[in-house]
Amino acid sequence: MRHLLVHELADHLNGQQAGHFDPSKFKDEYEAALKKLVKRKAAGKTIEAPEPIEDRSNVIDLMDALKQSMKGRAKSASRKHRAKPDRKTRRAS
């Protein structure tokens, strides 16, 4: 049964992606930018590196997150296990 569901899903995905590729609708922006850069360089103009694009992904470093989490736990655990005075002892009279 599970095997059948996998095949149905694969067929469904293939059906959605099936289509004719029309290269005339495809614009190669990389090639155009590269040609422009080569022309500038050939003309003797200076070429400056573009500003790096900020990574906007929400991917986090799991090891860093775990370490930060453990730091927070260590602090709260040390607060809980402090020595408390024994309130049941009586004063000597």
Foldseek 3Di string as FASTA:
>chain_A
DVVVVVVVVVVVVCVVPDDDDDCVPDDDPVVVVVVVVVVCVVVVHDDDDDDDDDDPDPDDDVVVVVVVVVVVVVVVVVVVPDDDDDPPDDDDD
